All heavy atoms as atom14 arrays in JSON, in Angstrom:
{
  "sequence": "LAVLVWRHCDTDPPPETNRSPLKGTRTAAMRLLKNILNDVFAATHDTV",
  "atom14_mask": [
    [1, 1, 1, 1, 1, 1, 1, 1, 0, 0, 0, 0, 0, 0],
    [1, 1, 1, 1, 1, 0, 0, 0, 0, 0, 0, 0, 0, 0],
    [1, 1, 1, 1, 1, 1, 1, 0, 0, 0, 0, 0, 0, 0],
    [1, 1, 1, 1, 1, 1, 1, 1, 0, 0, 0, 0, 0, 0],
    [1, 1, 1, 1, 1, 1, 1, 0, 0, 0, 0, 0, 0, 0],
    [1, 1, 1, 1, 1, 1, 1, 1, 1, 1, 1, 1, 1, 1],
    [1, 1, 1, 1, 1, 1, 1, 1, 1, 1, 1, 0, 0, 0],
    [1, 1, 1, 1, 1, 1, 1, 1, 1, 1, 0, 0, 0, 0],
    [1, 1, 1, 1, 1, 1, 0, 0, 0, 0, 0, 0, 0, 0],
    [1, 1, 1, 1, 1, 1, 1, 1, 0, 0, 0, 0, 0, 0],
    [1, 1, 1, 1, 1, 1, 1, 0, 0, 0, 0, 0, 0, 0],
    [1, 1, 1, 1, 1, 1, 1, 1, 0, 0, 0, 0, 0, 0],
    [1, 1, 1, 1, 1, 1, 1, 0, 0, 0, 0, 0, 0, 0],
    [1, 1, 1, 1, 1, 1, 1, 0, 0, 0, 0, 0, 0, 0],
    [1, 1, 1, 1, 1, 1, 1, 0, 0, 0, 0, 0, 0, 0],
    [1, 1, 1, 1, 1, 1, 1, 1, 1, 0, 0, 0, 0, 0],
    [1, 1, 1, 1, 1, 1, 1, 0, 0, 0, 0, 0, 0, 0],
    [1, 1, 1, 1, 1, 1, 1, 1, 0, 0, 0, 0, 0, 0],
    [1, 1, 1, 1, 1, 1, 1, 1, 1, 1, 1, 0, 0, 0],
    [1, 1, 1, 1, 1, 1, 0, 0, 0, 0, 0, 0, 0, 0],
    [1, 1, 1, 1, 1, 1, 1, 0, 0, 0, 0, 0, 0, 0],
    [1, 1, 1, 1, 1, 1, 1, 1, 0, 0, 0, 0, 0, 0],
    [1, 1, 1, 1, 1, 1, 1, 1, 1, 0, 0, 0, 0, 0],
    [1, 1, 1, 1, 0, 0, 0, 0, 0, 0, 0, 0, 0, 0],
    [1, 1, 1, 1, 1, 1, 1, 0, 0, 0, 0, 0, 0, 0],
    [1, 1, 1, 1, 1, 1, 1, 1, 1, 1, 1, 0, 0, 0],
    [1, 1, 1, 1, 1, 1, 1, 0, 0, 0, 0, 0, 0, 0],
    [1, 1, 1, 1, 1, 0, 0, 0, 0, 0, 0, 0, 0, 0],
    [1, 1, 1, 1, 1, 0, 0, 0, 0, 0, 0, 0, 0, 0],
    [1, 1, 1, 1, 1, 1, 1, 1, 0, 0, 0, 0, 0, 0],
    [1, 1, 1, 1, 1, 1, 1, 1, 1, 1, 1, 0, 0, 0],
    [1, 1, 1, 1, 1, 1, 1, 1, 0, 0, 0, 0, 0, 0],
    [1, 1, 1, 1, 1, 1, 1, 1, 0, 0, 0, 0, 0, 0],
    [1, 1, 1, 1, 1, 1, 1, 1, 1, 0, 0, 0, 0, 0],
    [1, 1, 1, 1, 1, 1, 1, 1, 0, 0, 0, 0, 0, 0],
    [1, 1, 1, 1, 1, 1, 1, 1, 0, 0, 0, 0, 0, 0],
    [1, 1, 1, 1, 1, 1, 1, 1, 0, 0, 0, 0, 0, 0],
    [1, 1, 1, 1, 1, 1, 1, 1, 0, 0, 0, 0, 0, 0],
    [1, 1, 1, 1, 1, 1, 1, 1, 0, 0, 0, 0, 0, 0],
    [1, 1, 1, 1, 1, 1, 1, 0, 0, 0, 0, 0, 0, 0],
    [1, 1, 1, 1, 1, 1, 1, 1, 1, 1, 1, 0, 0, 0],
    [1, 1, 1, 1, 1, 0, 0, 0, 0, 0, 0, 0, 0, 0],
    [1, 1, 1, 1, 1, 0, 0, 0, 0, 0, 0, 0, 0, 0],
    [1, 1, 1, 1, 1, 1, 1, 0, 0, 0, 0, 0, 0, 0],
    [1, 1, 1, 1, 1, 1, 1, 1, 1, 1, 0, 0, 0, 0],
    [1, 1, 1, 1, 1, 1, 1, 1, 0, 0, 0, 0, 0, 0],
    [1, 1, 1, 1, 1, 1, 1, 0, 0, 0, 0, 0, 0, 0],
    [1, 1, 1, 1, 1, 1, 1, 0, 0, 0, 0, 0, 0, 0]
  ],
  "atom14_positions": [
    [[30.74, 7.62, -14.75], [30.58, 6.24, -15.34], [31.77, 5.73, -15.94], [32.32, 6.16, -16.88], [29.37, 6.27, -16.44], [29.2, 5.12, -17.27], [28.7, 3.96, -16.28], [28.12, 5.27, -18.3], [0.0, 0.0, 0.0], [0.0, 0.0, 0.0], [0.0, 0.0, 0.0], [0.0, 0.0, 0.0], [0.0, 0.0, 0.0], [0.0, 0.0, 0.0]],
    [[32.23, 4.66, -15.15], [33.65, 4.05, -15.78], [33.23, 2.89, -16.72], [32.41, 2.07, -16.31], [34.36, 3.52, -14.59], [0.0, 0.0, 0.0], [0.0, 0.0, 0.0], [0.0, 0.0, 0.0], [0.0, 0.0, 0.0], [0.0, 0.0, 0.0], [0.0, 0.0, 0.0], [0.0, 0.0, 0.0], [0.0, 0.0, 0.0], [0.0, 0.0, 0.0]],
    [[33.78, 2.9, -17.96], [33.38, 2.0, -18.94], [34.69, 1.07, -19.29], [35.66, 1.74, -19.73], [32.81, 2.59, -20.14], [32.45, 1.71, -21.17], [31.69, 3.41, -19.8], [0.0, 0.0, 0.0], [0.0, 0.0, 0.0], [0.0, 0.0, 0.0], [0.0, 0.0, 0.0], [0.0, 0.0, 0.0], [0.0, 0.0, 0.0], [0.0, 0.0, 0.0]],
    [[34.53, -0.22, -19.15], [35.51, -1.05, -19.6], [35.09, -1.87, -20.89], [34.0, -2.46, -20.71], [36.03, -2.13, -18.62], [37.12, -2.93, -18.8], [38.03, -3.16, -17.5], [36.89, -4.19, -19.42], [0.0, 0.0, 0.0], [0.0, 0.0, 0.0], [0.0, 0.0, 0.0], [0.0, 0.0, 0.0], [0.0, 0.0, 0.0], [0.0, 0.0, 0.0]],
    [[35.56, -1.55, -21.9], [35.19, -2.25, -23.21], [36.19, -3.44, -23.5], [37.39, -3.24, -23.49], [35.25, -1.24, -24.39], [34.74, -1.89, -25.73], [34.39, 0.04, -24.04], [0.0, 0.0, 0.0], [0.0, 0.0, 0.0], [0.0, 0.0, 0.0], [0.0, 0.0, 0.0], [0.0, 0.0, 0.0], [0.0, 0.0, 0.0], [0.0, 0.0, 0.0]],
    [[35.57, -4.59, -23.62], [36.36, -5.86, -23.94], [35.95, -6.45, -25.22], [34.9, -6.23, -25.75], [36.29, -6.75, -22.79], [34.81, -7.07, -22.58], [33.8, -6.51, -21.71], [34.22, -8.36, -23.05], [32.74, -7.28, -21.7], [32.71, -8.3, -22.52], [34.63, -9.43, -23.82], [31.95, -9.38, -22.82], [33.77, -10.44, -24.21], [32.35, -10.46, -23.69]],
    [[36.95, -7.22, -25.77], [36.68, -7.92, -26.93], [36.81, -9.43, -26.56], [37.8, -9.8, -25.83], [37.64, -7.7, -28.1], [37.64, -6.29, -28.58], [38.58, -5.86, -29.54], [39.87, -6.3, -29.11], [41.08, -6.17, -29.73], [40.96, -5.73, -30.95], [42.15, -6.5, -29.21], [0.0, 0.0, 0.0], [0.0, 0.0, 0.0], [0.0, 0.0, 0.0]],
    [[35.9, -10.39, -26.98], [35.97, -11.63, -26.51], [37.22, -12.38, -26.8], [37.55, -13.28, -26.11], [34.68, -12.44, -26.92], [34.64, -12.61, -28.36], [35.32, -13.61, -29.03], [34.04, -11.91, -29.44], [34.97, -13.63, -30.32], [34.23, -12.67, -30.6], [0.0, 0.0, 0.0], [0.0, 0.0, 0.0], [0.0, 0.0, 0.0], [0.0, 0.0, 0.0]],
    [[37.94, -11.98, -27.88], [39.22, -12.73, -28.32], [40.38, -12.34, -27.41], [41.33, -12.96, -27.39], [39.48, -12.45, -29.72], [39.7, -10.7, -30.1], [0.0, 0.0, 0.0], [0.0, 0.0, 0.0], [0.0, 0.0, 0.0], [0.0, 0.0, 0.0], [0.0, 0.0, 0.0], [0.0, 0.0, 0.0], [0.0, 0.0, 0.0], [0.0, 0.0, 0.0]],
    [[40.16, -11.26, -26.58], [41.28, -10.77, -25.78], [41.63, -11.78, -24.68], [42.78, -11.94, -24.37], [40.91, -9.49, -25.0], [40.96, -8.33, -26.13], [41.55, -8.42, -27.16], [40.48, -7.24, -25.69], [0.0, 0.0, 0.0], [0.0, 0.0, 0.0], [0.0, 0.0, 0.0], [0.0, 0.0, 0.0], [0.0, 0.0, 0.0], [0.0, 0.0, 0.0]],
    [[40.67, -12.36, -23.95], [40.97, -13.23, -22.92], [40.05, -14.58, -22.85], [39.57, -14.93, -21.92], [40.65, -12.4, -21.58], [39.31, -12.06, -21.7], [41.55, -11.33, -21.32], [0.0, 0.0, 0.0], [0.0, 0.0, 0.0], [0.0, 0.0, 0.0], [0.0, 0.0, 0.0], [0.0, 0.0, 0.0], [0.0, 0.0, 0.0], [0.0, 0.0, 0.0]],
    [[40.02, -15.19, -24.05], [39.29, -16.39, -24.2], [40.03, -17.47, -23.33], [41.09, -17.52, -23.12], [39.34, -17.01, -25.58], [38.4, -16.17, -26.43], [37.48, -15.35, -26.0], [38.48, -16.35, -27.78], [0.0, 0.0, 0.0], [0.0, 0.0, 0.0], [0.0, 0.0, 0.0], [0.0, 0.0, 0.0], [0.0, 0.0, 0.0], [0.0, 0.0, 0.0]],
    [[39.11, -18.34, -22.6], [39.73, -19.39, -21.77], [40.41, -20.42, -22.71], [40.09, -20.52, -23.81], [38.57, -19.93, -21.19], [37.39, -19.73, -21.96], [37.66, -18.41, -22.65], [0.0, 0.0, 0.0], [0.0, 0.0, 0.0], [0.0, 0.0, 0.0], [0.0, 0.0, 0.0], [0.0, 0.0, 0.0], [0.0, 0.0, 0.0], [0.0, 0.0, 0.0]],
    [[41.35, -21.18, -22.17], [42.0, -22.19, -22.96], [40.95, -23.11, -23.57], [39.95, -23.48, -22.9], [42.91, -22.83, -21.92], [43.03, -21.89, -20.83], [41.84, -20.97, -20.78], [0.0, 0.0, 0.0], [0.0, 0.0, 0.0], [0.0, 0.0, 0.0], [0.0, 0.0, 0.0], [0.0, 0.0, 0.0], [0.0, 0.0, 0.0], [0.0, 0.0, 0.0]],
    [[41.22, -23.62, -24.8], [40.18, -24.54, -25.41], [39.87, -25.81, -24.7], [38.82, -26.42, -24.69], [40.74, -24.86, -26.74], [41.97, -24.08, -26.94], [42.28, -23.39, -25.69], [0.0, 0.0, 0.0], [0.0, 0.0, 0.0], [0.0, 0.0, 0.0], [0.0, 0.0, 0.0], [0.0, 0.0, 0.0], [0.0, 0.0, 0.0], [0.0, 0.0, 0.0]],
    [[40.89, -26.22, -23.95], [40.6, -27.56, -23.22], [39.85, -27.48, -22.05], [39.43, -28.52, -21.47], [42.08, -28.21, -22.88], [42.85, -27.3, -21.88], [43.82, -26.31, -22.56], [43.71, -26.07, -23.79], [44.49, -25.53, -21.81], [0.0, 0.0, 0.0], [0.0, 0.0, 0.0], [0.0, 0.0, 0.0], [0.0, 0.0, 0.0], [0.0, 0.0, 0.0]],
    [[39.37, -26.17, -21.62], [38.54, -26.11, -20.44], [37.05, -26.18, -20.75], [36.33, -26.45, -19.78], [38.72, -24.65, -19.82], [38.31, -23.75, -20.78], [40.1, -24.52, -19.36], [0.0, 0.0, 0.0], [0.0, 0.0, 0.0], [0.0, 0.0, 0.0], [0.0, 0.0, 0.0], [0.0, 0.0, 0.0], [0.0, 0.0, 0.0], [0.0, 0.0, 0.0]],
    [[36.66, -26.18, -21.9], [35.4, -26.42, -22.32], [34.41, -25.38, -21.66], [33.33, -25.68, -21.27], [34.77, -27.86, -22.1], [35.42, -28.74, -22.88], [35.63, -28.44, -24.15], [35.6, -30.01, -22.6], [0.0, 0.0, 0.0], [0.0, 0.0, 0.0], [0.0, 0.0, 0.0], [0.0, 0.0, 0.0], [0.0, 0.0, 0.0], [0.0, 0.0, 0.0]],
    [[34.94, -24.18, -21.45], [34.06, -23.08, -20.76], [33.7, -22.02, -21.86], [34.32, -21.94, -22.84], [34.96, -22.46, -19.69], [35.29, -23.35, -18.41], [35.76, -22.53, -17.36], [35.78, -23.42, -16.16], [36.94, -23.89, -15.67], [38.06, -23.57, -16.16], [36.98, -24.7, -14.59], [0.0, 0.0, 0.0], [0.0, 0.0, 0.0], [0.0, 0.0, 0.0]],
    [[32.53, -21.43, -21.55], [32.07, -20.41, -22.37], [33.0, -19.27, -22.52], [33.27, -18.63, -21.57], [30.65, -19.95, -22.07], [30.3, -18.9, -22.72], [0.0, 0.0, 0.0], [0.0, 0.0, 0.0], [0.0, 0.0, 0.0], [0.0, 0.0, 0.0], [0.0, 0.0, 0.0], [0.0, 0.0, 0.0], [0.0, 0.0, 0.0], [0.0, 0.0, 0.0]],
    [[33.65, -18.96, -23.74], [34.46, -17.82, -23.84], [33.89, -16.46, -23.55], [34.44, -15.68, -22.85], [35.0, -17.83, -25.28], [34.5, -19.16, -25.86], [33.45, -19.61, -25.03], [0.0, 0.0, 0.0], [0.0, 0.0, 0.0], [0.0, 0.0, 0.0], [0.0, 0.0, 0.0], [0.0, 0.0, 0.0], [0.0, 0.0, 0.0], [0.0, 0.0, 0.0]],
    [[32.57, -16.26, -23.97], [32.02, -15.0, -23.7], [31.79, -14.79, -22.37], [31.84, -13.67, -21.75], [30.81, -14.85, -24.58], [30.96, -14.68, -25.99], [29.66, -14.63, -26.76], [31.87, -13.61, -26.38], [0.0, 0.0, 0.0], [0.0, 0.0, 0.0], [0.0, 0.0, 0.0], [0.0, 0.0, 0.0], [0.0, 0.0, 0.0], [0.0, 0.0, 0.0]],
    [[31.11, -15.73, -21.65], [30.85, -15.64, -20.16], [32.09, -15.4, -19.36], [32.1, -14.73, -18.35], [29.92, -16.83, -19.69], [29.41, -16.61, -18.28], [28.37, -17.63, -17.95], [27.86, -17.41, -16.6], [27.07, -18.57, -16.13], [0.0, 0.0, 0.0], [0.0, 0.0, 0.0], [0.0, 0.0, 0.0], [0.0, 0.0, 0.0], [0.0, 0.0, 0.0]],
    [[33.04, -16.3, -19.66], [34.33, -16.19, -18.87], [34.98, -14.83, -19.08], [35.55, -14.31, -18.1], [0.0, 0.0, 0.0], [0.0, 0.0, 0.0], [0.0, 0.0, 0.0], [0.0, 0.0, 0.0], [0.0, 0.0, 0.0], [0.0, 0.0, 0.0], [0.0, 0.0, 0.0], [0.0, 0.0, 0.0], [0.0, 0.0, 0.0], [0.0, 0.0, 0.0]],
    [[35.0, -14.22, -20.31], [35.58, -12.91, -20.59], [34.78, -11.93, -19.86], [35.36, -10.93, -19.24], [35.7, -12.74, -22.01], [36.44, -13.79, -22.63], [36.33, -11.54, -22.43], [0.0, 0.0, 0.0], [0.0, 0.0, 0.0], [0.0, 0.0, 0.0], [0.0, 0.0, 0.0], [0.0, 0.0, 0.0], [0.0, 0.0, 0.0], [0.0, 0.0, 0.0]],
    [[33.59, -11.95, -19.98], [32.73, -10.93, -19.31], [32.91, -10.84, -17.85], [33.07, -9.89, -17.27], [31.24, -11.05, -19.61], [30.38, -10.03, -19.09], [28.93, -10.04, -19.56], [28.19, -8.87, -19.38], [27.63, -8.73, -18.14], [27.68, -9.6, -17.17], [26.84, -7.65, -18.03], [0.0, 0.0, 0.0], [0.0, 0.0, 0.0], [0.0, 0.0, 0.0]],
    [[32.91, -12.12, -17.19], [33.26, -12.24, -15.8], [34.59, -11.73, -15.43], [34.76, -10.91, -14.43], [33.18, -13.61, -15.35], [31.71, -14.19, -15.54], [33.35, -13.9, -13.87], [0.0, 0.0, 0.0], [0.0, 0.0, 0.0], [0.0, 0.0, 0.0], [0.0, 0.0, 0.0], [0.0, 0.0, 0.0], [0.0, 0.0, 0.0], [0.0, 0.0, 0.0]],
    [[35.61, -11.98, -16.12], [37.04, -11.51, -15.95], [36.98, -9.95, -16.08], [37.62, -9.24, -15.23], [37.99, -12.22, -16.89], [0.0, 0.0, 0.0], [0.0, 0.0, 0.0], [0.0, 0.0, 0.0], [0.0, 0.0, 0.0], [0.0, 0.0, 0.0], [0.0, 0.0, 0.0], [0.0, 0.0, 0.0], [0.0, 0.0, 0.0], [0.0, 0.0, 0.0]],
    [[36.28, -9.48, -17.15], [36.23, -7.94, -17.41], [35.51, -7.22, -16.12], [35.96, -6.17, -15.64], [35.57, -7.71, -18.69], [0.0, 0.0, 0.0], [0.0, 0.0, 0.0], [0.0, 0.0, 0.0], [0.0, 0.0, 0.0], [0.0, 0.0, 0.0], [0.0, 0.0, 0.0], [0.0, 0.0, 0.0], [0.0, 0.0, 0.0], [0.0, 0.0, 0.0]],
    [[34.53, -7.82, -15.66], [33.71, -7.2, -14.58], [34.65, -7.33, -13.32], [34.68, -6.3, -12.53], [32.49, -7.98, -14.29], [31.38, -7.76, -15.36], [29.87, -8.77, -15.25], [29.72, -9.22, -13.61], [0.0, 0.0, 0.0], [0.0, 0.0, 0.0], [0.0, 0.0, 0.0], [0.0, 0.0, 0.0], [0.0, 0.0, 0.0], [0.0, 0.0, 0.0]],
    [[35.4, -8.3, -13.11], [36.25, -8.42, -11.98], [37.34, -7.38, -12.01], [37.71, -6.8, -11.02], [36.94, -9.89, -11.87], [37.55, -10.16, -10.56], [38.07, -11.57, -10.5], [37.04, -12.58, -10.8], [37.13, -13.44, -11.8], [38.13, -13.44, -12.54], [35.99, -14.37, -12.02], [0.0, 0.0, 0.0], [0.0, 0.0, 0.0], [0.0, 0.0, 0.0]],
    [[37.87, -7.2, -13.17], [38.88, -6.29, -13.44], [38.47, -4.77, -13.16], [39.15, -4.15, -12.55], [39.46, -6.3, -14.9], [40.5, -5.3, -15.3], [41.79, -5.44, -14.54], [40.73, -5.52, -16.8], [0.0, 0.0, 0.0], [0.0, 0.0, 0.0], [0.0, 0.0, 0.0], [0.0, 0.0, 0.0], [0.0, 0.0, 0.0], [0.0, 0.0, 0.0]],
    [[37.23, -4.51, -13.74], [36.71, -3.17, -13.49], [36.47, -2.92, -12.05], [36.84, -1.77, -11.44], [35.48, -2.9, -14.22], [34.77, -1.52, -14.13], [35.77, -0.49, -14.55], [33.48, -1.47, -14.88], [0.0, 0.0, 0.0], [0.0, 0.0, 0.0], [0.0, 0.0, 0.0], [0.0, 0.0, 0.0], [0.0, 0.0, 0.0], [0.0, 0.0, 0.0]],
    [[35.96, -3.86, -11.23], [35.58, -3.83, -9.9], [36.99, -3.55, -9.17], [37.1, -2.63, -8.25], [34.99, -5.0, -9.33], [34.6, -4.91, -7.83], [33.97, -6.2, -7.34], [33.78, -6.29, -5.89], [33.22, -7.45, -5.4], [0.0, 0.0, 0.0], [0.0, 0.0, 0.0], [0.0, 0.0, 0.0], [0.0, 0.0, 0.0], [0.0, 0.0, 0.0]],
    [[38.01, -4.21, -9.45], [39.32, -4.12, -8.84], [39.99, -2.74, -9.09], [40.44, -2.13, -8.24], [40.28, -5.21, -9.25], [39.91, -6.59, -8.6], [39.02, -6.66, -7.64], [40.41, -7.6, -9.23], [0.0, 0.0, 0.0], [0.0, 0.0, 0.0], [0.0, 0.0, 0.0], [0.0, 0.0, 0.0], [0.0, 0.0, 0.0], [0.0, 0.0, 0.0]],
    [[39.79, -2.27, -10.29], [40.38, -1.06, -10.7], [39.6, 0.13, -9.94], [40.31, 1.04, -9.41], [40.3, -0.72, -12.22], [41.22, -1.7, -12.94], [40.48, 0.74, -12.69], [40.92, -1.67, -14.44], [0.0, 0.0, 0.0], [0.0, 0.0, 0.0], [0.0, 0.0, 0.0], [0.0, 0.0, 0.0], [0.0, 0.0, 0.0], [0.0, 0.0, 0.0]],
    [[38.27, 0.12, -9.91], [37.63, 1.25, -9.05], [37.85, 1.05, -7.65], [38.06, 2.14, -6.97], [36.06, 0.86, -9.36], [35.53, 1.18, -10.81], [34.16, 0.95, -10.91], [35.86, 2.61, -11.12], [0.0, 0.0, 0.0], [0.0, 0.0, 0.0], [0.0, 0.0, 0.0], [0.0, 0.0, 0.0], [0.0, 0.0, 0.0], [0.0, 0.0, 0.0]],
    [[37.96, -0.09, -7.11], [38.46, -0.28, -5.64], [39.75, 0.37, -5.41], [40.11, 1.23, -4.45], [38.36, -1.69, -5.21], [36.94, -2.13, -4.96], [36.05, -1.34, -4.64], [36.75, -3.42, -4.97], [0.0, 0.0, 0.0], [0.0, 0.0, 0.0], [0.0, 0.0, 0.0], [0.0, 0.0, 0.0], [0.0, 0.0, 0.0], [0.0, 0.0, 0.0]],
    [[40.77, 0.05, -6.34], [42.21, 0.45, -6.12], [42.23, 2.03, -6.26], [42.95, 2.61, -5.59], [43.06, -0.11, -7.27], [43.29, -1.59, -6.96], [42.98, -2.06, -5.8], [43.82, -2.34, -7.85], [0.0, 0.0, 0.0], [0.0, 0.0, 0.0], [0.0, 0.0, 0.0], [0.0, 0.0, 0.0], [0.0, 0.0, 0.0], [0.0, 0.0, 0.0]],
    [[41.5, 2.64, -7.19], [41.68, 4.06, -7.34], [40.88, 4.86, -6.37], [41.39, 5.82, -5.93], [41.15, 4.32, -8.88], [41.13, 5.91, -9.07], [42.13, 3.79, -9.91], [0.0, 0.0, 0.0], [0.0, 0.0, 0.0], [0.0, 0.0, 0.0], [0.0, 0.0, 0.0], [0.0, 0.0, 0.0], [0.0, 0.0, 0.0], [0.0, 0.0, 0.0]],
    [[39.74, 4.28, -5.92], [38.76, 5.16, -5.13], [38.69, 4.71, -3.66], [37.89, 5.3, -2.9], [37.43, 5.38, -5.74], [37.44, 6.09, -6.99], [37.23, 5.45, -8.2], [37.77, 7.4, -7.06], [37.31, 6.12, -9.45], [37.76, 8.06, -8.3], [37.5, 7.39, -9.38], [0.0, 0.0, 0.0], [0.0, 0.0, 0.0], [0.0, 0.0, 0.0]],
    [[39.3, 3.63, -3.37], [39.14, 3.05, -1.96], [39.6, 3.9, -0.8], [39.03, 4.04, 0.14], [39.7, 1.71, -1.86], [0.0, 0.0, 0.0], [0.0, 0.0, 0.0], [0.0, 0.0, 0.0], [0.0, 0.0, 0.0], [0.0, 0.0, 0.0], [0.0, 0.0, 0.0], [0.0, 0.0, 0.0], [0.0, 0.0, 0.0], [0.0, 0.0, 0.0]],
    [[40.82, 4.65, -1.17], [41.3, 5.48, -0.2], [40.67, 6.78, -0.01], [40.86, 7.56, 0.92], [42.86, 5.69, -0.5], [0.0, 0.0, 0.0], [0.0, 0.0, 0.0], [0.0, 0.0, 0.0], [0.0, 0.0, 0.0], [0.0, 0.0, 0.0], [0.0, 0.0, 0.0], [0.0, 0.0, 0.0], [0.0, 0.0, 0.0], [0.0, 0.0, 0.0]],
    [[39.96, 7.17, -0.91], [39.22, 8.47, -0.85], [37.77, 8.3, -0.39], [37.14, 7.28, -0.35], [39.05, 9.09, -2.28], [38.22, 8.32, -3.1], [40.37, 9.28, -2.95], [0.0, 0.0, 0.0], [0.0, 0.0, 0.0], [0.0, 0.0, 0.0], [0.0, 0.0, 0.0], [0.0, 0.0, 0.0], [0.0, 0.0, 0.0], [0.0, 0.0, 0.0]],
    [[37.35, 9.28, 0.26], [35.99, 9.18, 0.84], [35.1, 10.19, 0.26], [34.3, 10.97, 0.77], [36.12, 9.61, 2.42], [36.87, 8.61, 3.12], [36.6, 7.24, 3.34], [38.14, 8.77, 3.68], [37.5, 6.66, 4.01], [38.57, 7.43, 4.26], [0.0, 0.0, 0.0], [0.0, 0.0, 0.0], [0.0, 0.0, 0.0], [0.0, 0.0, 0.0]],
    [[35.16, 10.15, -1.17], [34.34, 11.18, -1.94], [32.81, 10.69, -1.96], [32.59, 9.53, -1.81], [34.93, 11.11, -3.39], [36.21, 11.97, -3.49], [36.51, 12.71, -2.69], [36.98, 11.61, -4.4], [0.0, 0.0, 0.0], [0.0, 0.0, 0.0], [0.0, 0.0, 0.0], [0.0, 0.0, 0.0], [0.0, 0.0, 0.0], [0.0, 0.0, 0.0]],
    [[32.06, 11.7, -2.22], [30.61, 11.29, -2.39], [30.22, 11.35, -3.76], [29.15, 11.61, -4.12], [29.78, 12.41, -1.54], [30.15, 13.69, -2.08], [30.15, 12.33, -0.1], [0.0, 0.0, 0.0], [0.0, 0.0, 0.0], [0.0, 0.0, 0.0], [0.0, 0.0, 0.0], [0.0, 0.0, 0.0], [0.0, 0.0, 0.0], [0.0, 0.0, 0.0]],
    [[31.18, 11.15, -4.64], [30.93, 11.13, -6.05], [30.23, 9.78, -6.44], [30.68, 8.65, -6.16], [32.28, 11.07, -6.92], [32.06, 10.93, -8.32], [33.06, 12.38, -6.7], [0.0, 0.0, 0.0], [0.0, 0.0, 0.0], [0.0, 0.0, 0.0], [0.0, 0.0, 0.0], [0.0, 0.0, 0.0], [0.0, 0.0, 0.0], [0.0, 0.0, 0.0]]
  ]
}
């Protein structure tokens, strides 16, 4: 179980975008974790 813990203040969108900071940060964190898992385990053919 790979866990990425984020804080909403780490990657808030710019204020002028009028986007939800929490949803934007969560989406960015999910994308980051997916990319990390792909980068680390894509070349291996483990059944883990």
